[in-house]
Structures are given as C-alpha cells and as structure tokens.
PDB file of N, CA and C in Angstrom:
ATOM      1  N   UNK A   1      15.292  18.611  -3.694  1.00  0.00           N
ATOM      2  CA  UNK A   1      13.971  18.038  -3.475  1.00  0.00           C
ATOM      3  C   UNK A   1      13.014  19.163  -3.102  1.00  0.00           C
ATOM      4  N   UNK A   2      11.858  19.173  -3.712  1.00  0.00           N
ATOM      5  CA  UNK A   2      10.884  20.214  -3.411  1.00  0.00           C
ATOM      6  C   UNK A   2      10.190  19.918  -2.093  1.00  0.00           C
ATOM      7  N   UNK A   3       9.672  20.968  -1.482  1.00  0.00           N
ATOM      8  CA  UNK A   3       9.004  20.820  -0.197  1.00  0.00           C
ATOM      9  C   UNK A   3       7.655  20.134  -0.383  1.00  0.00           C
ATOM     10  N   UNK A   4       7.387  19.228   0.518  1.00  0.00           N
ATOM     11  CA  UNK A   4       6.113  18.505   0.501  1.00  0.00           C
ATOM     12  C   UNK A   4       5.113  19.315   1.308  1.00  0.00           C
ATOM     13  N   UNK A   5       4.063  19.746   0.637  1.00  0.00           N
ATOM     14  CA  UNK A   5       3.057  20.560   1.313  1.00  0.00           C
ATOM     15  C   UNK A   5       1.735  19.820   1.507  1.00  0.00           C
ATOM     16  N   UNK A   6       1.524  18.760   0.717  1.00  0.00           N
ATOM     17  CA  UNK A   6       0.295  17.977   0.805  1.00  0.00           C
ATOM     18  C   UNK A   6       0.662  16.501   0.740  1.00  0.00           C
ATOM     19  N   UNK A   7      -0.150  15.665   1.328  1.00  0.00           N
ATOM     20  CA  UNK A   7       0.173  14.236   1.278  1.00  0.00           C
ATOM     21  C   UNK A   7       0.201  13.722  -0.153  1.00  0.00           C
ATOM     22  N   UNK A   8      -0.560  14.365  -1.038  1.00  0.00           N
ATOM     23  CA  UNK A   8      -0.583  13.960  -2.443  1.00  0.00           C
ATOM     24  C   UNK A   8       0.767  14.148  -3.124  1.00  0.00           C
ATOM     25  N   UNK A   9       1.644  14.956  -2.530  1.00  0.00           N
ATOM     26  CA  UNK A   9       2.982  15.185  -3.085  1.00  0.00           C
ATOM     27  C   UNK A   9       3.937  14.027  -2.804  1.00  0.00           C
ATOM     28  N   UNK A  10       3.593  13.173  -1.859  1.00  0.00           N
ATOM     29  CA  UNK A  10       4.475  12.075  -1.460  1.00  0.00           C
ATOM     30  C   UNK A  10       4.447  10.950  -2.495  1.00  0.00           C
ATOM     31  N   UNK A  11       5.623  10.542  -2.937  1.00  0.00           N
ATOM     32  CA  UNK A  11       5.712   9.472  -3.936  1.00  0.00           C
ATOM     33  C   UNK A  11       5.116   8.167  -3.413  1.00  0.00           C
ATOM     34  N   UNK A  12       5.309   7.893  -2.131  1.00  0.00           N
ATOM     35  CA  UNK A  12       4.750   6.668  -1.554  1.00  0.00           C
ATOM     36  C   UNK A  12       3.221   6.693  -1.624  1.00  0.00           C
ATOM     37  N   UNK A  13       2.622   7.851  -1.362  1.00  0.00           N
ATOM     38  CA  UNK A  13       1.161   7.951  -1.440  1.00  0.00           C
ATOM     39  C   UNK A  13       0.703   7.761  -2.886  1.00  0.00           C
ATOM     40  N   UNK A  14       1.416   8.360  -3.826  1.00  0.00           N
ATOM     41  CA  UNK A  14       1.062   8.234  -5.241  1.00  0.00           C
ATOM     42  C   UNK A  14       1.111   6.766  -5.693  1.00  0.00           C
ATOM     43  N   UNK A  15       2.177   6.067  -5.273  1.00  0.00           N
ATOM     44  CA  UNK A  15       2.292   4.646  -5.597  1.00  0.00           C
ATOM     45  C   UNK A  15       1.203   3.830  -4.940  1.00  0.00           C
ATOM     46  N   UNK A  16       0.868   4.182  -3.700  1.00  0.00           N
ATOM     47  CA  UNK A  16      -0.183   3.465  -2.980  1.00  0.00           C
ATOM     48  C   UNK A  16      -1.534   3.663  -3.662  1.00  0.00           C
ATOM     49  N   UNK A  17      -1.745   4.843  -4.179  1.00  0.00           N
ATOM     50  CA  UNK A  17      -2.992   5.107  -4.916  1.00  0.00           C
ATOM     51  C   UNK A  17      -3.081   4.199  -6.142  1.00  0.00           C
ATOM     52  N   UNK A  18      -1.948   4.028  -6.825  1.00  0.00           N
ATOM     53  CA  UNK A  18      -1.905   3.128  -7.983  1.00  0.00           C
ATOM     54  C   UNK A  18      -2.211   1.688  -7.569  1.00  0.00           C
ATOM     55  N   UNK A  19      -1.668   1.275  -6.431  1.00  0.00           N
ATOM     56  CA  UNK A  19      -1.915  -0.088  -5.944  1.00  0.00           C
ATOM     57  C   UNK A  19      -3.404  -0.311  -5.708  1.00  0.00           C
ATOM     58  N   UNK A  20      -4.080   0.674  -5.148  1.00  0.00           N
ATOM     59  CA  UNK A  20      -5.525   0.531  -4.924  1.00  0.00           C
ATOM     60  C   UNK A  20      -6.234   0.274  -6.255  1.00  0.00           C
ATOM     61  N   UNK A  21      -5.865   1.022  -7.284  1.00  0.00           N
ATOM     62  CA  UNK A  21      -6.486   0.819  -8.608  1.00  0.00           C
ATOM     63  C   UNK A  21      -6.181  -0.568  -9.155  1.00  0.00           C
ATOM     64  N   UNK A  22      -4.933  -1.000  -9.003  1.00  0.00           N
ATOM     65  CA  UNK A  22      -4.532  -2.334  -9.479  1.00  0.00           C
ATOM     66  C   UNK A  22      -5.336  -3.410  -8.755  1.00  0.00           C
ATOM     67  N   UNK A  23      -5.442  -3.286  -7.430  1.00  0.00           N
ATOM     68  CA  UNK A  23      -6.168  -4.273  -6.634  1.00  0.00           C
ATOM     69  C   UNK A  23      -7.644  -4.295  -7.029  1.00  0.00           C
ATOM     70  N   UNK A  24      -8.237  -3.136  -7.206  1.00  0.00           N
ATOM     71  CA  UNK A  24      -9.651  -3.112  -7.602  1.00  0.00           C
ATOM     72  C   UNK A  24      -9.857  -3.756  -8.972  1.00  0.00           C
ATOM     73  N   UNK A  25      -8.933  -3.508  -9.900  1.00  0.00           N
ATOM     74  CA  UNK A  25      -9.051  -4.126 -11.218  1.00  0.00           C
ATOM     75  C   UNK A  25      -8.937  -5.646 -11.117  1.00  0.00           C
ATOM     76  N   UNK A  26      -7.925  -6.120 -10.394  1.00  0.00           N
ATOM     77  CA  UNK A  26      -7.716  -7.569 -10.339  1.00  0.00           C
ATOM     78  C   UNK A  26      -8.831  -8.277  -9.574  1.00  0.00           C
ATOM     79  N   UNK A  27      -9.389  -7.610  -8.575  1.00  0.00           N
ATOM     80  CA  UNK A  27     -10.444  -8.259  -7.786  1.00  0.00           C
ATOM     81  C   UNK A  27     -11.816  -8.177  -8.453  1.00  0.00           C
ATOM     82  N   UNK A  28     -11.891  -7.490  -9.564  1.00  0.00           N
ATOM     83  CA  UNK A  28     -13.142  -7.415 -10.318  1.00  0.00           C
ATOM     84  C   UNK A  28     -13.253  -8.540 -11.336  1.00  0.00           C
ATOM     85  N   UNK A  29     -12.175  -9.299 -11.511  1.00  0.00           N
ATOM     86  CA  UNK A  29     -12.178 -10.421 -12.455  1.00  0.00           C
ATOM     87  C   UNK A  29     -13.041 -11.558 -11.908  1.00  0.00           C
ATOM     88  N   UNK A  30     -13.478 -12.439 -12.787  1.00  0.00           N
ATOM     89  CA  UNK A  30     -14.442 -13.501 -12.469  1.00  0.00           C
ATOM     90  C   UNK A  30     -14.232 -14.221 -11.150  1.00  0.00           C
ATOM     91  N   UNK A  31     -13.273 -15.110 -11.064  1.00  0.00           N
ATOM     92  CA  UNK A  31     -13.104 -15.921  -9.865  1.00  0.00           C
ATOM     93  C   UNK A  31     -12.830 -15.085  -8.626  1.00  0.00           C
ATOM     94  N   UNK A  32     -11.971 -14.114  -8.770  1.00  0.00           N
ATOM     95  CA  UNK A  32     -11.593 -13.266  -7.636  1.00  0.00           C
ATOM     96  C   UNK A  32     -12.796 -12.501  -7.107  1.00  0.00           C
ATOM     97  N   UNK A  33     -13.616 -12.020  -7.993  1.00  0.00           N
ATOM     98  CA  UNK A  33     -14.755 -11.196  -7.567  1.00  0.00           C
ATOM     99  C   UNK A  33     -15.770 -11.995  -6.749  1.00  0.00           C
ATOM    100  N   UNK A  34     -15.766 -13.323  -6.901  1.00  0.00           N
ATOM    101  CA  UNK A  34     -16.715 -14.159  -6.159  1.00  0.00           C
ATOM    102  C   UNK A  34     -16.157 -14.669  -4.828  1.00  0.00           C
ATOM    103  N   UNK A  35     -14.849 -14.483  -4.612  1.00  0.00           N
ATOM    104  CA  UNK A  35     -14.244 -14.862  -3.332  1.00  0.00           C
ATOM    105  C   UNK A  35     -14.359 -13.633  -2.432  1.00  0.00           C
ATOM    106  N   UNK A  36     -15.522 -13.462  -1.853  1.00  0.00           N
ATOM    107  CA  UNK A  36     -15.850 -12.230  -1.130  1.00  0.00           C
ATOM    108  C   UNK A  36     -14.895 -11.938   0.024  1.00  0.00           C
ATOM    109  N   UNK A  37     -14.503 -12.952   0.757  1.00  0.00           N
ATOM    110  CA  UNK A  37     -13.624 -12.737   1.908  1.00  0.00           C
ATOM    111  C   UNK A  37     -12.266 -12.195   1.463  1.00  0.00           C
ATOM    112  N   UNK A  38     -11.629 -12.865   0.497  1.00  0.00           N
ATOM    113  CA  UNK A  38     -10.313 -12.419   0.032  1.00  0.00           C
ATOM    114  C   UNK A  38     -10.423 -11.086  -0.698  1.00  0.00           C
ATOM    115  N   UNK A  39     -11.434 -10.964  -1.544  1.00  0.00           N
ATOM    116  CA  UNK A  39     -11.617  -9.718  -2.295  1.00  0.00           C
ATOM    117  C   UNK A  39     -11.746  -8.525  -1.355  1.00  0.00           C
ATOM    118  N   UNK A  40     -12.603  -8.645  -0.354  1.00  0.00           N
ATOM    119  CA  UNK A  40     -12.818  -7.533   0.568  1.00  0.00           C
ATOM    120  C   UNK A  40     -11.581  -7.261   1.424  1.00  0.00           C
ATOM    121  N   UNK A  41     -10.900  -8.317   1.865  1.00  0.00           N
ATOM    122  CA  UNK A  41      -9.727  -8.148   2.719  1.00  0.00           C
ATOM    123  C   UNK A  41      -8.576  -7.478   1.979  1.00  0.00           C
ATOM    124  N   UNK A  42      -8.295  -7.894   0.755  1.00  0.00           N
ATOM    125  CA  UNK A  42      -7.187  -7.305   0.010  1.00  0.00           C
ATOM    126  C   UNK A  42      -7.517  -5.858  -0.371  1.00  0.00           C
ATOM    127  N   UNK A  43      -8.782  -5.589  -0.642  1.00  0.00           N
ATOM    128  CA  UNK A  43      -9.178  -4.207  -0.938  1.00  0.00           C
ATOM    129  C   UNK A  43      -8.997  -3.321   0.297  1.00  0.00           C
ATOM    130  N   UNK A  44      -9.429  -3.809   1.451  1.00  0.00           N
ATOM    131  CA  UNK A  44      -9.280  -3.023   2.690  1.00  0.00           C
ATOM    132  C   UNK A  44      -7.803  -2.767   2.996  1.00  0.00           C
ATOM    133  N   UNK A  45      -6.984  -3.793   2.832  1.00  0.00           N
ATOM    134  CA  UNK A  45      -5.557  -3.646   3.109  1.00  0.00           C
ATOM    135  C   UNK A  45      -4.919  -2.653   2.137  1.00  0.00           C
ATOM    136  N   UNK A  46      -5.301  -2.735   0.868  1.00  0.00           N
ATOM    137  CA  UNK A  46      -4.755  -1.809  -0.127  1.00  0.00           C
ATOM    138  C   UNK A  46      -5.174  -0.370   0.179  1.00  0.00           C
ATOM    139  N   UNK A  47      -6.428  -0.179   0.511  1.00  0.00           N
ATOM    140  CA  UNK A  47      -6.933   1.160   0.842  1.00  0.00           C
ATOM    141  C   UNK A  47      -6.227   1.713   2.080  1.00  0.00           C
ATOM    142  N   UNK A  48      -5.866   0.843   2.980  1.00  0.00           N
ATOM    143  CA  UNK A  48      -5.201   1.252   4.222  1.00  0.00           C
ATOM    144  C   UNK A  48      -3.857   1.938   3.967  1.00  0.00           C
ATOM    145  N   UNK A  49      -3.180   1.570   2.893  1.00  0.00           N
ATOM    146  CA  UNK A  49      -1.845   2.139   2.639  1.00  0.00           C
ATOM    147  C   UNK A  49      -1.925   3.647   2.407  1.00  0.00           C
ATOM    148  N   UNK A  50      -2.613   4.126   1.366  1.00  0.00           N
ATOM    149  CA  UNK A  50      -2.646   5.583   1.167  1.00  0.00           C
ATOM    150  C   UNK A  50      -3.416   6.301   2.277  1.00  0.00           C
ATOM    151  N   UNK A  51      -4.406   5.623   2.849  1.00  0.00           N
ATOM    152  CA  UNK A  51      -5.194   6.259   3.920  1.00  0.00           C
ATOM    153  C   UNK A  51      -4.335   6.566   5.131  1.00  0.00           C
ATOM    154  N   UNK A  52      -3.490   5.635   5.525  1.00  0.00           N
ATOM    155  CA  UNK A  52      -2.635   5.865   6.684  1.00  0.00           C
ATOM    156  C   UNK A  52      -1.528   6.867   6.402  1.00  0.00           C
ATOM    157  N   UNK A  53      -1.033   6.895   5.181  1.00  0.00           N
ATOM    158  CA  UNK A  53      -0.055   7.919   4.815  1.00  0.00           C
ATOM    159  C   UNK A  53      -0.704   9.297   4.944  1.00  0.00           C
ATOM    160  N   UNK A  54      -1.907   9.440   4.413  1.00  0.00           N
ATOM    161  CA  UNK A  54      -2.620  10.722   4.461  1.00  0.00           C
ATOM    162  C   UNK A  54      -2.960  11.114   5.897  1.00  0.00           C
ATOM    163  N   UNK A  55      -3.458  10.160   6.676  1.00  0.00           N
ATOM    164  CA  UNK A  55      -3.828  10.487   8.053  1.00  0.00           C
ATOM    165  C   UNK A  55      -2.606  10.883   8.872  1.00  0.00           C
ATOM    166  N   UNK A  56      -1.528  10.146   8.715  1.00  0.00           N
ATOM    167  CA  UNK A  56      -0.308  10.478   9.448  1.00  0.00           C
ATOM    168  C   UNK A  56       0.231  11.846   9.068  1.00  0.00           C
ATOM    169  N   UNK A  57       0.202  12.148   7.777  1.00  0.00           N
ATOM    170  CA  UNK A  57       0.661  13.458   7.309  1.00  0.00           C
ATOM    171  C   UNK A  57      -0.155  14.568   7.950  1.00  0.00           C
ATOM    172  N   UNK A  58      -1.441  14.340   8.063  1.00  0.00           N
ATOM    173  CA  UNK A  58      -2.346  15.358   8.600  1.00  0.00           C
ATOM    174  C   UNK A  58      -2.176  15.591  10.088  1.00  0.00           C
ATOM    175  N   UNK A  59      -1.494  14.695  10.782  1.00  0.00           N
ATOM    176  CA  UNK A  59      -1.281  14.846  12.220  1.00  0.00           C
ATOM    177  C   UNK A  59      -0.276  15.953  12.538  1.00  0.00           C
ATOM    178  N   UNK A  60       0.570  16.281  11.602  1.00  0.00           N
ATOM    179  CA  UNK A  60       1.557  17.373  11.755  1.00  0.00           C
ATOM    180  C   UNK A  60       2.551  17.138  12.895  1.00  0.00           C
ATOM    181  N   UNK A  61       2.797  15.894  13.224  1.00  0.00           N
ATOM    182  CA  UNK A  61       3.777  15.517  14.245  1.00  0.00           C
ATOM    183  C   UNK A  61       4.592  14.371  13.664  1.00  0.00           C
ATOM    184  N   UNK A  62       5.916  14.517  13.649  1.00  0.00           N
ATOM    185  CA  UNK A  62       6.750  13.454  13.096  1.00  0.00           C
ATOM    186  C   UNK A  62       6.528  12.127  13.817  1.00  0.00           C
ATOM    187  N   UNK A  63       6.411  12.173  15.135  1.00  0.00           N
ATOM    188  CA  UNK A  63       6.238  10.950  15.917  1.00  0.00           C
ATOM    189  C   UNK A  63       4.957  10.225  15.503  1.00  0.00           C
ATOM    190  N   UNK A  64       3.866  10.960  15.407  1.00  0.00           N
ATOM    191  CA  UNK A  64       2.603  10.348  15.000  1.00  0.00           C
ATOM    192  C   UNK A  64       2.648   9.907  13.536  1.00  0.00           C
ATOM    193  N   UNK A  65       3.269  10.720  12.688  1.00  0.00           N
ATOM    194  CA  UNK A  65       3.377  10.391  11.273  1.00  0.00           C
ATOM    195  C   UNK A  65       4.104   9.057  11.112  1.00  0.00           C
ATOM    196  N   UNK A  66       5.186   8.878  11.848  1.00  0.00           N
ATOM    197  CA  UNK A  66       5.955   7.637  11.779  1.00  0.00           C
ATOM    198  C   UNK A  66       5.076   6.443  12.143  1.00  0.00           C
ATOM    199  N   UNK A  67       4.256   6.578  13.168  1.00  0.00           N
ATOM    200  CA  UNK A  67       3.348   5.486  13.561  1.00  0.00           C
ATOM    201  C   UNK A  67       2.427   5.097  12.398  1.00  0.00           C
ATOM    202  N   UNK A  68       1.863   6.082  11.743  1.00  0.00           N
ATOM    203  CA  UNK A  68       0.955   5.806  10.633  1.00  0.00           C
ATOM    204  C   UNK A  68       1.695   5.236   9.429  1.00  0.00           C
ATOM    205  N   UNK A  69       2.949   5.659   9.225  1.00  0.00           N
ATOM    206  CA  UNK A  69       3.737   5.104   8.128  1.00  0.00           C
ATOM    207  C   UNK A  69       4.049   3.629   8.379  1.00  0.00           C
ATOM    208  N   UNK A  70       4.297   3.282   9.641  1.00  0.00           N
ATOM    209  CA  UNK A  70       4.506   1.870   9.975  1.00  0.00           C
ATOM    210  C   UNK A  70       3.246   1.056   9.695  1.00  0.00           C
ATOM    211  N   UNK A  71       2.087   1.606   9.992  1.00  0.00           N
ATOM    212  CA  UNK A  71       0.828   0.908   9.709  1.00  0.00           C
ATOM    213  C   UNK A  71       0.661   0.734   8.196  1.00  0.00           C
ATOM    214  N   UNK A  72       0.959   1.782   7.438  1.00  0.00           N
ATOM    215  CA  UNK A  72       0.867   1.706   5.978  1.00  0.00           C
ATOM    216  C   UNK A  72       1.806   0.628   5.442  1.00  0.00           C
ATOM    217  N   UNK A  73       3.019   0.577   6.001  1.00  0.00           N
ATOM    218  CA  UNK A  73       3.999  -0.426   5.573  1.00  0.00           C
ATOM    219  C   UNK A  73       3.496  -1.827   5.900  1.00  0.00           C
ATOM    220  N   UNK A  74       2.887  -1.984   7.059  1.00  0.00           N
ATOM    221  CA  UNK A  74       2.311  -3.276   7.423  1.00  0.00           C
ATOM    222  C   UNK A  74       1.200  -3.686   6.480  1.00  0.00           C
ATOM    223  N   UNK A  75       0.390  -2.724   6.078  1.00  0.00           N
ATOM    224  CA  UNK A  75      -0.689  -3.021   5.134  1.00  0.00           C
ATOM    225  C   UNK A  75      -0.133  -3.429   3.776  1.00  0.00           C
ATOM    226  N   UNK A  76       0.979  -2.842   3.376  1.00  0.00           N
ATOM    227  CA  UNK A  76       1.620  -3.238   2.110  1.00  0.00           C
ATOM    228  C   UNK A  76       2.050  -4.703   2.191  1.00  0.00           C
ATOM    229  N   UNK A  77       2.614  -5.100   3.333  1.00  0.00           N
ATOM    230  CA  UNK A  77       2.984  -6.502   3.522  1.00  0.00           C
ATOM    231  C   UNK A  77       1.777  -7.416   3.509  1.00  0.00           C
ATOM    232  N   UNK A  78       0.686  -6.949   4.092  1.00  0.00           N
ATOM    233  CA  UNK A  78      -0.550  -7.732   4.098  1.00  0.00           C
ATOM    234  C   UNK A  78      -1.037  -7.967   2.675  1.00  0.00           C
ATOM    235  N   UNK A  79      -1.007  -6.934   1.840  1.00  0.00           N
ATOM    236  CA  UNK A  79      -1.437  -7.087   0.445  1.00  0.00           C
ATOM    237  C   UNK A  79      -0.511  -8.070  -0.271  1.00  0.00           C
ATOM    238  N   UNK A  80       0.798  -7.964  -0.012  1.00  0.00           N
ATOM    239  CA  UNK A  80       1.729  -8.899  -0.650  1.00  0.00           C
ATOM    240  C   UNK A  80       1.380 -10.346  -0.288  1.00  0.00           C
ATOM    241  N   UNK A  81       1.088 -10.596   0.965  1.00  0.00           N
ATOM    242  CA  UNK A  81       0.728 -11.946   1.400  1.00  0.00           C
ATOM    243  C   UNK A  81      -0.567 -12.407   0.733  1.00  0.00           C
ATOM    244  N   UNK A  82      -1.526 -11.518   0.624  1.00  0.00           N
ATOM    245  CA  UNK A  82      -2.796 -11.859  -0.005  1.00  0.00           C
ATOM    246  C   UNK A  82      -2.643 -12.105  -1.504  1.00  0.00           C
ATOM    247  N   UNK A  83      -1.648 -11.471  -2.107  1.00  0.00           N
ATOM    248  CA  UNK A  83      -1.366 -11.738  -3.518  1.00  0.00           C
ATOM    249  C   UNK A  83      -0.962 -13.203  -3.713  1.00  0.00           C
ATOM    250  N   UNK A  84      -0.230 -13.758  -2.749  1.00  0.00           N
ATOM    251  CA  UNK A  84       0.126 -15.173  -2.830  1.00  0.00           C
ATOM    252  C   UNK A  84      -1.125 -16.057  -2.827  1.00  0.00           C
ATOM    253  N   UNK A  85      -2.081 -15.716  -1.977  1.00  0.00           N
ATOM    254  CA  UNK A  85      -3.329 -16.479  -1.916  1.00  0.00           C
ATOM    255  C   UNK A  85      -4.032 -16.394  -3.267  1.00  0.00           C
ATOM    256  N   UNK A  86      -4.109 -15.194  -3.814  1.00  0.00           N
ATOM    257  CA  UNK A  86      -4.766 -15.007  -5.108  1.00  0.00           C
ATOM    258  C   UNK A  86      -4.054 -15.792  -6.210  1.00  0.00           C
ATOM    259  N   UNK A  87      -2.737 -15.791  -6.175  1.00  0.00           N
ATOM    260  CA  UNK A  87      -1.962 -16.546  -7.160  1.00  0.00           C
ATOM    261  C   UNK A  87      -2.208 -18.044  -6.992  1.00  0.00           C
ATOM    262  N   UNK A  88      -2.141 -18.512  -5.756  1.00  0.00           N
ATOM    263  CA  UNK A  88      -2.327 -19.942  -5.483  1.00  0.00           C
ATOM    264  C   UNK A  88      -3.723 -20.437  -5.853  1.00  0.00           C
ATOM    265  N   UNK A  89      -4.711 -19.560  -5.779  1.00  0.00           N
ATOM    266  CA  UNK A  89      -6.087 -19.924  -6.126  1.00  0.00           C
ATOM    267  C   UNK A  89      -6.368 -19.761  -7.624  1.00  0.00           C
ATOM    268  N   UNK A  90      -5.386 -19.262  -8.358  1.00  0.00           N
ATOM    269  CA  UNK A  90      -5.558 -19.081  -9.800  1.00  0.00           C
ATOM    270  C   UNK A  90      -6.351 -17.852 -10.174  1.00  0.00           C
ATOM    271  N   UNK A  91      -6.486 -16.910  -9.239  1.00  0.00           N
ATOM    272  CA  UNK A  91      -7.246 -15.688  -9.509  1.00  0.00           C
ATOM    273  C   UNK A  91      -6.442 -14.679 -10.319  1.00  0.00           C
ATOM    274  N   UNK A  92      -5.119 -14.729 -10.180  1.00  0.00           N
ATOM    275  CA  UNK A  92      -4.250 -13.807 -10.916  1.00  0.00           C
ATOM    276  C   UNK A  92      -3.113 -14.597 -11.556  1.00  0.00           C
ATOM    277  N   UNK A  93      -2.543 -14.025 -12.595  1.00  0.00           N
ATOM    278  CA  UNK A  93      -1.412 -14.662 -13.282  1.00  0.00           C
ATOM    279  C   UNK A  93      -0.113 -14.369 -12.536  1.00  0.00           C
ATOM    280  N   UNK A  94       0.895 -15.133 -12.865  1.00  0.00           N
ATOM    281  CA  UNK A  94       2.227 -14.894 -12.284  1.00  0.00           C
ATOM    282  C   UNK A  94       2.707 -13.483 -12.638  1.00  0.00           C
ATOM    283  N   UNK A  95       2.428 -13.045 -13.850  1.00  0.00           N
ATOM    284  CA  UNK A  95       2.846 -11.713 -14.289  1.00  0.00           C
ATOM    285  C   UNK A  95       2.163 -10.614 -13.458  1.00  0.00           C
ATOM    286  N   UNK A  96       0.868 -10.740 -13.253  1.00  0.00           N
ATOM    287  CA  UNK A  96       0.134  -9.771 -12.438  1.00  0.00           C
ATOM    288  C   UNK A  96       0.673  -9.770 -11.016  1.00  0.00           C
ATOM    289  N   UNK A  97       0.899 -10.967 -10.474  1.00  0.00           N
ATOM    290  CA  UNK A  97       1.457 -11.097  -9.129  1.00  0.00           C
ATOM    291  C   UNK A  97       2.804 -10.372  -9.040  1.00  0.00           C
ATOM    292  N   UNK A  98       3.694 -10.659  -9.968  1.00  0.00           N
ATOM    293  CA  UNK A  98       5.049 -10.100  -9.948  1.00  0.00           C
ATOM    294  C   UNK A  98       5.022  -8.582 -10.030  1.00  0.00           C
ATOM    295  N   UNK A  99       4.196  -8.046 -10.904  1.00  0.00           N
ATOM    296  CA  UNK A  99       4.115  -6.590 -11.060  1.00  0.00           C
ATOM    297  C   UNK A  99       3.566  -5.918  -9.807  1.00  0.00           C
ATOM    298  N   UNK A 100       2.492  -6.445  -9.262  1.00  0.00           N
ATOM    299  CA  UNK A 100       1.889  -5.846  -8.066  1.00  0.00           C
ATOM    300  C   UNK A 100       2.814  -5.998  -6.864  1.00  0.00           C
ATOM    301  N   UNK A 101       3.433  -7.160  -6.720  1.00  0.00           N
ATOM    302  CA  UNK A 101       4.330  -7.416  -5.596  1.00  0.00           C
ATOM    303  C   UNK A 101       5.518  -6.450  -5.637  1.00  0.00           C
ATOM    304  N   UNK A 102       6.096  -6.260  -6.833  1.00  0.00           N
ATOM    305  CA  UNK A 102       7.239  -5.357  -6.983  1.00  0.00           C
ATOM    306  C   UNK A 102       6.848  -3.914  -6.658  1.00  0.00           C
ATOM    307  N   UNK A 103       5.667  -3.514  -7.069  1.00  0.00           N
ATOM    308  CA  UNK A 103       5.189  -2.156  -6.776  1.00  0.00           C
ATOM    309  C   UNK A 103       5.040  -1.970  -5.262  1.00  0.00           C
ATOM    310  N   UNK A 104       4.501  -2.965  -4.598  1.00  0.00           N
ATOM    311  CA  UNK A 104       4.354  -2.897  -3.139  1.00  0.00           C
ATOM    312  C   UNK A 104       5.713  -2.885  -2.451  1.00  0.00           C
ATOM    313  N   UNK A 105       6.654  -3.629  -2.988  1.00  0.00           N
ATOM    314  CA  UNK A 105       8.016  -3.641  -2.429  1.00  0.00           C
ATOM    315  C   UNK A 105       8.642  -2.249  -2.530  1.00  0.00           C
ATOM    316  N   UNK A 106       8.437  -1.586  -3.666  1.00  0.00           N
ATOM    317  CA  UNK A 106       8.959  -0.234  -3.858  1.00  0.00           C
ATOM    318  C   UNK A 106       8.320   0.735  -2.853  1.00  0.00           C
ATOM    319  N   UNK A 107       7.024   0.627  -2.657  1.00  0.00           N
ATOM    320  CA  UNK A 107       6.321   1.490  -1.703  1.00  0.00           C
ATOM    321  C   UNK A 107       6.842   1.243  -0.290  1.00  0.00           C
ATOM    322  N   UNK A 108       7.026  -0.017   0.077  1.00  0.00           N
ATOM    323  CA  UNK A 108       7.539  -0.352   1.410  1.00  0.00           C
ATOM    324  C   UNK A 108       8.930   0.246   1.622  1.00  0.00           C
ATOM    325  N   UNK A 109       9.762   0.198   0.610  1.00  0.00           N
ATOM    326  CA  UNK A 109      11.112   0.789   0.718  1.00  0.00           C
ATOM    327  C   UNK A 109      11.034   2.309   0.858  1.00  0.00           C
ATOM    328  N   UNK A 110      10.140   2.925   0.098  1.00  0.00           N
ATOM    329  CA  UNK A 110       9.956   4.371   0.216  1.00  0.00           C
ATOM    330  C   UNK A 110       9.498   4.734   1.628  1.00  0.00           C
ATOM    331  N   UNK A 111       8.567   3.967   2.153  1.00  0.00           N
ATOM    332  CA  UNK A 111       8.065   4.223   3.501  1.00  0.00           C
ATOM    333  C   UNK A 111       9.178   4.039   4.532  1.00  0.00           C
ATOM    334  N   UNK A 112       9.985   3.003   4.375  1.00  0.00           N
ATOM    335  CA  UNK A 112      11.095   2.771   5.304  1.00  0.00           C
ATOM    336  C   UNK A 112      12.080   3.931   5.293  1.00  0.00           C
ATOM    337  N   UNK A 113      12.420   4.402   4.101  1.00  0.00           N
ATOM    338  CA  UNK A 113      13.349   5.540   3.998  1.00  0.00           C
ATOM    339  C   UNK A 113      12.737   6.794   4.619  1.00  0.00           C
ATOM    340  N   UNK A 114      11.457   6.991   4.413  1.00  0.00           N
ATOM    341  CA  UNK A 114      10.786   8.165   4.961  1.00  0.00           C
ATOM    342  C   UNK A 114      10.720   8.087   6.486  1.00  0.00           C
ATOM    343  N   UNK A 115      10.451   6.900   7.003  1.00  0.00           N
ATOM    344  CA  UNK A 115      10.428   6.694   8.451  1.00  0.00           C
ATOM    345  C   UNK A 115      11.796   7.028   9.043  1.00  0.00           C
ATOM    346  N   UNK A 116      12.851   6.538   8.415  1.00  0.00           N
ATOM    347  CA  UNK A 116      14.217   6.805   8.883  1.00  0.00           C
ATOM    348  C   UNK A 116      14.496   8.304   8.871  1.00  0.00           C
ATOM    349  N   UNK A 117      14.084   8.967   7.798  1.00  0.00           N
ATOM    350  CA  UNK A 117      14.269  10.413   7.702  1.00  0.00           C
ATOM    351  C   UNK A 117      13.536  11.145   8.818  1.00  0.00           C
ATOM    352  N   UNK A 118      12.269  10.810   9.031  1.00  0.00           N
ATOM    353  CA  UNK A 118      11.466  11.497  10.037  1.00  0.00           C
ATOM    354  C   UNK A 118      12.001  11.230  11.452  1.00  0.00           C
ATOM    355  N   UNK A 119      12.481  10.029  11.695  1.00  0.00           N
ATOM    356  CA  UNK A 119      13.036   9.724  13.019  1.00  0.00           C
ATOM    357  C   UNK A 119      14.297  10.541  13.277  1.00  0.00           C
ATOM    358  N   UNK A 120      15.052  10.801  12.220  1.00  0.00           N
ATOM    359  CA  UNK A 120      16.261  11.609  12.356  1.00  0.00           C
ATOM    360  C   UNK A 120      15.986  13.090  12.500  1.00  0.00           C
ATOM    361  N   UNK A 121      14.786  13.514  12.102  1.00  0.00           N
ATOM    362  CA  UNK A 121      14.414  14.934  12.154  1.00  0.00           C
ATOM    363  C   UNK A 121      13.919  15.346  13.537  1.00  0.00           C
ATOM    364  N   UNK A 122      13.686  14.360  14.410  1.00  0.00           N
ATOM    365  CA  UNK A 122      13.189  14.681  15.770  1.00  0.00           C
ATOM    366  C   UNK A 122      14.275  15.263  16.646  1.00  0.00           C
TER     367      UNK A 122
END
C-alpha cells in the first residue's frame, strides 16, 4: 500500500466525493429539487462526509482523525436514511436508491476499517 500524503489519496474520501456528485444530480430533478428541506439536508449530510475526512486528516493526530471519521460515518448513515425518504416520496427510483445506498455502505465500511487501523496505531 502506498503512503497517504494527502486526504485526496484516501479511497473513502474519493468515494465520498462521488456521493456528493450523485446527491447533487438526484436532488436537481423535478420533484426533489422543490422539496427544499430534504434537498438541502441530504446535500449538507453528503458534503459532511468528505469534509470531515479532510478536516480530520488535516489535524495530524490519530485521536482527532478518528473523531472526524466517526462524524463522516454518521453522515453517511444520515444520507442513507434520507435516501429512504426520497424513495418513499417518489423522488428517486429503486435503482438509484440501491446504487447510492450501496456506495454509502462501501464508504462506511472503509471508514470503519480505517478507524480500527488508526486506533491500533496509537
């Protein structure tokens, strides 16, 4: 495994960046774009994932980094829950839901493994 020198090198951050793009695309569609509360909340939660990974990385302390990774993981769960609302309201298709949910699940697993690694490095 190559050394991680920038937060952009982290696979979890890269996946989280993709999720932000996916969320922005889906929330720009007709019905979803007019549900201002859900649209804004899911966008904020999605943005929180890569933002917290980057902020934690920049702290240069494993203990602090782990805290921010937990926040990022929580935000991934928040987006997953909001995807259910979007699906139930007919804003997104089952296929879109399944793809986005699976991507978030992968990111959450990556974050969990990274948290475990960092806790062991202390």
